């Protein structure tokens, strides 16, 4: 998929952010991604750069300390100007709500004409951090499962907001399904919040 279309946009949930970097390295891929401007974003950036990622700093959060205006345009320009760019974007970051996809990754794929892959990296033996996303860290003597679904192609007109939102809702549901499947693989029940749009209180 990446070779055929000279790049791709991989979308994942933020709870995997401390794991997926090693998955890219294991697969021999050089990832490109986005990290917030805050202290947590700095830590994540250092980890990602050690795994040979290209890291942009910014984010879609409403907090000024974590946001940099124009970063979405920077991502688009970088992908358009360079061959073989593979973005890995956490779609519910950087402050949630968990398992609800923001539009940034869809817009990048639409503007650049690149396919979207939904990805999931999961494992049974883990600890969870006390963060909004309960970020997961794998423990030793583990089996890491990599799941992928796609390709998907976003509507080609980035100004058609209704079409983009409908597409976002569809692939958000598929990414929820992919995460639920990852819990089935390790024989565990998924968290209560991992449900499709409209099935959770407050949606």
C-alpha atoms as a PDB file:
ATOM      1  CA  UNK A   1       0.000   0.000   0.000  1.00  0.00           C
ATOM      2  CA  UNK A   2       2.725   2.492   0.962  1.00  0.00           C
ATOM      3  CA  UNK A   3       4.844   1.684  -2.084  1.00  0.00           C
ATOM      4  CA  UNK A   4       1.910   1.787  -4.491  1.00  0.00           C
ATOM      5  CA  UNK A   5       0.730   5.208  -3.290  1.00  0.00           C
ATOM      6  CA  UNK A   6       4.102   6.666  -2.236  1.00  0.00           C
ATOM      7  CA  UNK A   7       3.085   6.995   1.389  1.00  0.00           C
ATOM      8  CA  UNK A   8       0.184   6.450   3.766  1.00  0.00           C
ATOM      9  CA  UNK A   9      -1.553   7.814   6.862  1.00  0.00           C
ATOM     10  CA  UNK A  10      -1.816   5.312   9.719  1.00  0.00           C
ATOM     11  CA  UNK A  11      -4.389   6.120  12.405  1.00  0.00           C
ATOM     12  CA  UNK A  12      -4.403   4.703  15.933  1.00  0.00           C
ATOM     13  CA  UNK A  13      -5.660   5.387  19.460  1.00  0.00           C
ATOM     14  CA  UNK A  14      -3.531   7.458  21.833  1.00  0.00           C
ATOM     15  CA  UNK A  15      -3.296   4.665  24.426  1.00  0.00           C
ATOM     16  CA  UNK A  16      -0.806   2.936  22.092  1.00  0.00           C
ATOM     17  CA  UNK A  17       1.539   5.918  21.804  1.00  0.00           C
ATOM     18  CA  UNK A  18       4.297   4.388  23.966  1.00  0.00           C
ATOM     19  CA  UNK A  19       4.256   1.102  22.041  1.00  0.00           C
ATOM     20  CA  UNK A  20       3.672   1.788  18.364  1.00  0.00           C
ATOM     21  CA  UNK A  21       7.066   3.453  17.841  1.00  0.00           C
ATOM     22  CA  UNK A  22       8.817   0.149  18.442  1.00  0.00           C
ATOM     23  CA  UNK A  23       6.396  -1.565  16.082  1.00  0.00           C
ATOM     24  CA  UNK A  24       7.401   0.738  13.227  1.00  0.00           C
ATOM     25  CA  UNK A  25      11.073   0.027  13.894  1.00  0.00           C
ATOM     26  CA  UNK A  26      10.406  -3.731  14.017  1.00  0.00           C
ATOM     27  CA  UNK A  27       8.703  -3.532  10.618  1.00  0.00           C
ATOM     28  CA  UNK A  28      11.595  -1.520   9.179  1.00  0.00           C
ATOM     29  CA  UNK A  29       9.524   1.629   8.661  1.00  0.00           C
ATOM     30  CA  UNK A  30      10.498   5.223   9.392  1.00  0.00           C
ATOM     31  CA  UNK A  31       7.433   6.869  10.865  1.00  0.00           C
ATOM     32  CA  UNK A  32       6.429  10.506  10.887  1.00  0.00           C
ATOM     33  CA  UNK A  33       4.117  11.825  13.575  1.00  0.00           C
ATOM     34  CA  UNK A  34       2.830  14.676  15.717  1.00  0.00           C
ATOM     35  CA  UNK A  35       3.376  15.263  19.437  1.00  0.00           C
ATOM     36  CA  UNK A  36       1.900  17.966  21.651  1.00  0.00           C
ATOM     37  CA  UNK A  37       3.887  20.955  22.907  1.00  0.00           C
ATOM     38  CA  UNK A  38       3.570  20.052  26.611  1.00  0.00           C
ATOM     39  CA  UNK A  39       5.921  18.119  28.900  1.00  0.00           C
ATOM     40  CA  UNK A  40       4.325  14.778  28.045  1.00  0.00           C
ATOM     41  CA  UNK A  41       4.741  15.599  24.362  1.00  0.00           C
ATOM     42  CA  UNK A  42       8.438  16.264  24.942  1.00  0.00           C
ATOM     43  CA  UNK A  43       8.895  12.857  26.570  1.00  0.00           C
ATOM     44  CA  UNK A  44       7.012  11.115  23.786  1.00  0.00           C
ATOM     45  CA  UNK A  45       9.041  13.031  21.176  1.00  0.00           C
ATOM     46  CA  UNK A  46      12.307  11.819  22.675  1.00  0.00           C
ATOM     47  CA  UNK A  47      11.121   8.209  22.624  1.00  0.00           C
ATOM     48  CA  UNK A  48       9.912   8.523  19.040  1.00  0.00           C
ATOM     49  CA  UNK A  49      13.124  10.133  17.814  1.00  0.00           C
ATOM     50  CA  UNK A  50      15.119   7.292  19.356  1.00  0.00           C
ATOM     51  CA  UNK A  51      13.007   5.026  17.137  1.00  0.00           C
ATOM     52  CA  UNK A  52      13.967   7.094  14.073  1.00  0.00           C
ATOM     53  CA  UNK A  53      10.664   8.966  13.801  1.00  0.00           C
ATOM     54  CA  UNK A  54      10.340  12.415  12.267  1.00  0.00           C
ATOM     55  CA  UNK A  55       8.373  14.341  14.907  1.00  0.00           C
ATOM     56  CA  UNK A  56       6.351  17.505  14.404  1.00  0.00           C
ATOM     57  CA  UNK A  57       5.353  19.413  17.534  1.00  0.00           C
ATOM     58  CA  UNK A  58       1.850  20.828  17.809  1.00  0.00           C
ATOM     59  CA  UNK A  59      -1.508  19.204  18.413  1.00  0.00           C
ATOM     60  CA  UNK A  60      -5.230  19.811  18.151  1.00  0.00           C
ATOM     61  CA  UNK A  61      -5.959  20.400  21.828  1.00  0.00           C
ATOM     62  CA  UNK A  62      -7.593  23.628  22.952  1.00  0.00           C
ATOM     63  CA  UNK A  63      -4.839  24.325  25.506  1.00  0.00           C
ATOM     64  CA  UNK A  64      -2.450  26.950  24.118  1.00  0.00           C
ATOM     65  CA  UNK A  65       0.536  25.359  25.875  1.00  0.00           C
ATOM     66  CA  UNK A  66       0.051  22.169  23.835  1.00  0.00           C
ATOM     67  CA  UNK A  67      -0.937  23.706  20.488  1.00  0.00           C
ATOM     68  CA  UNK A  68       0.953  25.295  17.611  1.00  0.00           C
ATOM     69  CA  UNK A  69      -0.991  27.039  14.862  1.00  0.00           C
ATOM     70  CA  UNK A  70      -0.329  25.808  11.336  1.00  0.00           C
ATOM     71  CA  UNK A  71       1.011  22.383  12.258  1.00  0.00           C
ATOM     72  CA  UNK A  72      -1.611  20.608  10.121  1.00  0.00           C
ATOM     73  CA  UNK A  73      -0.444  22.589   7.084  1.00  0.00           C
ATOM     74  CA  UNK A  74       3.144  21.620   7.948  1.00  0.00           C
ATOM     75  CA  UNK A  75       2.203  17.925   7.943  1.00  0.00           C
ATOM     76  CA  UNK A  76       0.481  18.282   4.577  1.00  0.00           C
ATOM     77  CA  UNK A  77       3.347  20.244   2.999  1.00  0.00           C
ATOM     78  CA  UNK A  78       5.891  17.716   4.269  1.00  0.00           C
ATOM     79  CA  UNK A  79       3.980  14.781   2.805  1.00  0.00           C
ATOM     80  CA  UNK A  80       3.477  16.541  -0.523  1.00  0.00           C
ATOM     81  CA  UNK A  81       7.166  17.478  -0.775  1.00  0.00           C
ATOM     82  CA  UNK A  82       8.734  14.130   0.242  1.00  0.00           C
ATOM     83  CA  UNK A  83       8.489  10.600  -1.095  1.00  0.00           C
ATOM     84  CA  UNK A  84       7.338   7.665   1.007  1.00  0.00           C
ATOM     85  CA  UNK A  85       6.108   9.570   4.060  1.00  0.00           C
ATOM     86  CA  UNK A  86       4.217   7.306   6.465  1.00  0.00           C
ATOM     87  CA  UNK A  87       2.367   9.209   9.168  1.00  0.00           C
ATOM     88  CA  UNK A  88       1.341   7.534  12.399  1.00  0.00           C
ATOM     89  CA  UNK A  89      -1.248   9.784  14.051  1.00  0.00           C
ATOM     90  CA  UNK A  90      -3.068   9.264  17.352  1.00  0.00           C
ATOM     91  CA  UNK A  91      -6.547  10.359  16.422  1.00  0.00           C
ATOM     92  CA  UNK A  92      -8.015  10.946  19.894  1.00  0.00           C
ATOM     93  CA  UNK A  93      -4.995  12.899  21.213  1.00  0.00           C
ATOM     94  CA  UNK A  94      -3.733  14.872  22.751  1.00  0.00           C
ATOM     95  CA  UNK A  95      -6.419  15.208  25.454  1.00  0.00           C
ATOM     96  CA  UNK A  96      -9.293  13.006  24.308  1.00  0.00           C
ATOM     97  CA  UNK A  97     -12.015  12.042  24.662  1.00  0.00           C
ATOM     98  CA  UNK A  98     -10.652   8.536  24.291  1.00  0.00           C
ATOM     99  CA  UNK A  99     -11.814   6.498  21.294  1.00  0.00           C
ATOM    100  CA  UNK A 100     -13.233   9.524  19.492  1.00  0.00           C
ATOM    101  CA  UNK A 101     -11.485  10.402  16.246  1.00  0.00           C
ATOM    102  CA  UNK A 102     -10.546  13.983  15.455  1.00  0.00           C
ATOM    103  CA  UNK A 103     -10.457  15.177  11.848  1.00  0.00           C
ATOM    104  CA  UNK A 104      -6.758  15.987  11.399  1.00  0.00           C
ATOM    105  CA  UNK A 105      -5.607  12.637  10.000  1.00  0.00           C
ATOM    106  CA  UNK A 106      -8.549  12.481   7.605  1.00  0.00           C
ATOM    107  CA  UNK A 107      -7.785  15.985   6.319  1.00  0.00           C
ATOM    108  CA  UNK A 108      -4.112  15.137   5.767  1.00  0.00           C
ATOM    109  CA  UNK A 109      -5.042  12.017   3.789  1.00  0.00           C
ATOM    110  CA  UNK A 110      -7.640  13.907   1.748  1.00  0.00           C
ATOM    111  CA  UNK A 111      -5.381  16.858   0.909  1.00  0.00           C
ATOM    112  CA  UNK A 112      -2.437  14.587   0.014  1.00  0.00           C
ATOM    113  CA  UNK A 113      -4.404  11.886  -1.805  1.00  0.00           C
ATOM    114  CA  UNK A 114      -2.899   9.131   0.361  1.00  0.00           C
ATOM    115  CA  UNK A 115      -4.535   5.947   1.668  1.00  0.00           C
ATOM    116  CA  UNK A 116      -5.447   5.507   5.326  1.00  0.00           C
ATOM    117  CA  UNK A 117      -4.573   2.404   7.328  1.00  0.00           C
ATOM    118  CA  UNK A 118      -6.126   1.705  10.721  1.00  0.00           C
ATOM    119  CA  UNK A 119      -3.548   0.121  13.010  1.00  0.00           C
ATOM    120  CA  UNK A 120      -3.524  -1.469  16.440  1.00  0.00           C
ATOM    121  CA  UNK A 121      -0.615  -2.675  18.574  1.00  0.00           C
ATOM    122  CA  UNK A 122      -1.698  -4.684  21.616  1.00  0.00           C
ATOM    123  CA  UNK A 123      -0.611  -7.290  24.177  1.00  0.00           C
ATOM    124  CA  UNK A 124      -1.868  -9.044  27.277  1.00  0.00           C
ATOM    125  CA  UNK A 125       0.901  -8.225  29.779  1.00  0.00           C
ATOM    126  CA  UNK A 126       0.896  -4.478  30.380  1.00  0.00           C
ATOM    127  CA  UNK A 127       0.692  -1.671  32.866  1.00  0.00           C
ATOM    128  CA  UNK A 128      -1.518   1.377  32.487  1.00  0.00           C
ATOM    129  CA  UNK A 129      -0.485   4.920  33.303  1.00  0.00           C
ATOM    130  CA  UNK A 130      -2.738   7.231  35.308  1.00  0.00           C
ATOM    131  CA  UNK A 131      -3.383   9.487  32.325  1.00  0.00           C
ATOM    132  CA  UNK A 132      -6.564  10.513  30.495  1.00  0.00           C
ATOM    133  CA  UNK A 133      -6.008   7.732  27.925  1.00  0.00           C
ATOM    134  CA  UNK A 134      -4.602   5.187  30.415  1.00  0.00           C
ATOM    135  CA  UNK A 135      -1.616   4.748  28.094  1.00  0.00           C
ATOM    136  CA  UNK A 136      -0.351   1.174  27.983  1.00  0.00           C
ATOM    137  CA  UNK A 137       3.229  -0.046  28.427  1.00  0.00           C
ATOM    138  CA  UNK A 138       4.082  -3.667  27.622  1.00  0.00           C
ATOM    139  CA  UNK A 139       5.824  -5.786  30.230  1.00  0.00           C
ATOM    140  CA  UNK A 140       8.666  -8.219  29.472  1.00  0.00           C
ATOM    141  CA  UNK A 141       8.023 -11.759  28.223  1.00  0.00           C
ATOM    142  CA  UNK A 142       5.121 -10.611  26.114  1.00  0.00           C
ATOM    143  CA  UNK A 143       3.584 -11.308  22.733  1.00  0.00           C
ATOM    144  CA  UNK A 144       2.982  -8.131  20.737  1.00  0.00           C
ATOM    145  CA  UNK A 145       0.107  -8.305  18.253  1.00  0.00           C
ATOM    146  CA  UNK A 146       0.031  -5.940  15.268  1.00  0.00           C
ATOM    147  CA  UNK A 147      -3.321  -5.465  13.546  1.00  0.00           C
ATOM    148  CA  UNK A 148      -4.004  -3.443  10.386  1.00  0.00           C
ATOM    149  CA  UNK A 149      -7.102  -2.672   8.348  1.00  0.00           C
ATOM    150  CA  UNK A 150      -7.331  -0.807   5.062  1.00  0.00           C
ATOM    151  CA  UNK A 151      -6.678   0.858   2.743  1.00  0.00           C
ATOM    152  CA  UNK A 152      -9.348   3.526   3.045  1.00  0.00           C
ATOM    153  CA  UNK A 153      -9.510   6.591   0.819  1.00  0.00           C
ATOM    154  CA  UNK A 154     -10.876   9.845   2.189  1.00  0.00           C
ATOM    155  CA  UNK A 155     -13.168  12.021   0.044  1.00  0.00           C
ATOM    156  CA  UNK A 156     -11.004  13.870  -2.459  1.00  0.00           C
ATOM    157  CA  UNK A 157     -12.614  17.282  -1.833  1.00  0.00           C
ATOM    158  CA  UNK A 158     -11.326  18.548   1.537  1.00  0.00           C
ATOM    159  CA  UNK A 159     -13.877  21.382   1.479  1.00  0.00           C
ATOM    160  CA  UNK A 160     -16.798  18.923   1.622  1.00  0.00           C
ATOM    161  CA  UNK A 161     -17.046  18.856   5.421  1.00  0.00           C
ATOM    162  CA  UNK A 162     -20.176  16.674   5.510  1.00  0.00           C
ATOM    163  CA  UNK A 163     -18.521  13.969   3.409  1.00  0.00           C
ATOM    164  CA  UNK A 164     -15.362  14.132   5.531  1.00  0.00           C
ATOM    165  CA  UNK A 165     -17.341  13.876   8.770  1.00  0.00           C
ATOM    166  CA  UNK A 166     -19.344  10.902   7.470  1.00  0.00           C
ATOM    167  CA  UNK A 167     -16.108   9.209   6.391  1.00  0.00           C
ATOM    168  CA  UNK A 168     -14.512   9.985   9.786  1.00  0.00           C
ATOM    169  CA  UNK A 169     -17.469   8.453  11.629  1.00  0.00           C
ATOM    170  CA  UNK A 170     -17.257   5.288   9.516  1.00  0.00           C
ATOM    171  CA  UNK A 171     -13.553   4.678  10.028  1.00  0.00           C
ATOM    172  CA  UNK A 172     -13.808   5.644  13.704  1.00  0.00           C
ATOM    173  CA  UNK A 173     -16.273   2.789  14.076  1.00  0.00           C
ATOM    174  CA  UNK A 174     -13.899   0.460  12.250  1.00  0.00           C
ATOM    175  CA  UNK A 175     -11.024   1.510  14.518  1.00  0.00           C
ATOM    176  CA  UNK A 176     -13.216   0.806  17.567  1.00  0.00           C
ATOM    177  CA  UNK A 177     -13.938  -2.643  16.080  1.00  0.00           C
ATOM    178  CA  UNK A 178     -10.223  -3.241  15.453  1.00  0.00           C
ATOM    179  CA  UNK A 179      -9.366  -2.376  19.057  1.00  0.00           C
ATOM    180  CA  UNK A 180     -12.175  -4.609  20.332  1.00  0.00           C
ATOM    181  CA  UNK A 181     -10.787  -7.436  18.196  1.00  0.00           C
ATOM    182  CA  UNK A 182      -7.359  -6.934  19.790  1.00  0.00           C
ATOM    183  CA  UNK A 183      -8.924  -7.628  23.203  1.00  0.00           C
ATOM    184  CA  UNK A 184     -10.531 -10.789  21.807  1.00  0.00           C
ATOM    185  CA  UNK A 185      -7.104 -11.970  20.637  1.00  0.00           C
ATOM    186  CA  UNK A 186      -5.684 -11.699  24.172  1.00  0.00           C
ATOM    187  CA  UNK A 187      -8.915 -13.112  25.657  1.00  0.00           C
ATOM    188  CA  UNK A 188      -9.971 -10.019  27.609  1.00  0.00           C
ATOM    189  CA  UNK A 189     -13.025  -7.818  27.753  1.00  0.00           C
ATOM    190  CA  UNK A 190     -12.593  -4.324  26.229  1.00  0.00           C
ATOM    191  CA  UNK A 191     -13.052  -1.209  28.385  1.00  0.00           C
ATOM    192  CA  UNK A 192     -16.575   0.171  28.681  1.00  0.00           C
ATOM    193  CA  UNK A 193     -15.621   3.360  26.807  1.00  0.00           C
ATOM    194  CA  UNK A 194     -14.610   1.412  23.690  1.00  0.00           C
ATOM    195  CA  UNK A 195     -17.958   1.688  21.917  1.00  0.00           C
ATOM    196  CA  UNK A 196     -19.096   3.232  18.677  1.00  0.00           C
ATOM    197  CA  UNK A 197     -20.367   6.788  18.384  1.00  0.00           C
ATOM    198  CA  UNK A 198     -23.908   7.179  19.635  1.00  0.00           C
ATOM    199  CA  UNK A 199     -23.652   4.247  22.076  1.00  0.00           C
ATOM    200  CA  UNK A 200     -21.846   6.133  24.835  1.00  0.00           C
ATOM    201  CA  UNK A 201     -23.510   8.577  27.221  1.00  0.00           C
ATOM    202  CA  UNK A 202     -22.725  12.112  26.123  1.00  0.00           C
ATOM    203  CA  UNK A 203     -22.239  11.333  22.415  1.00  0.00           C
END
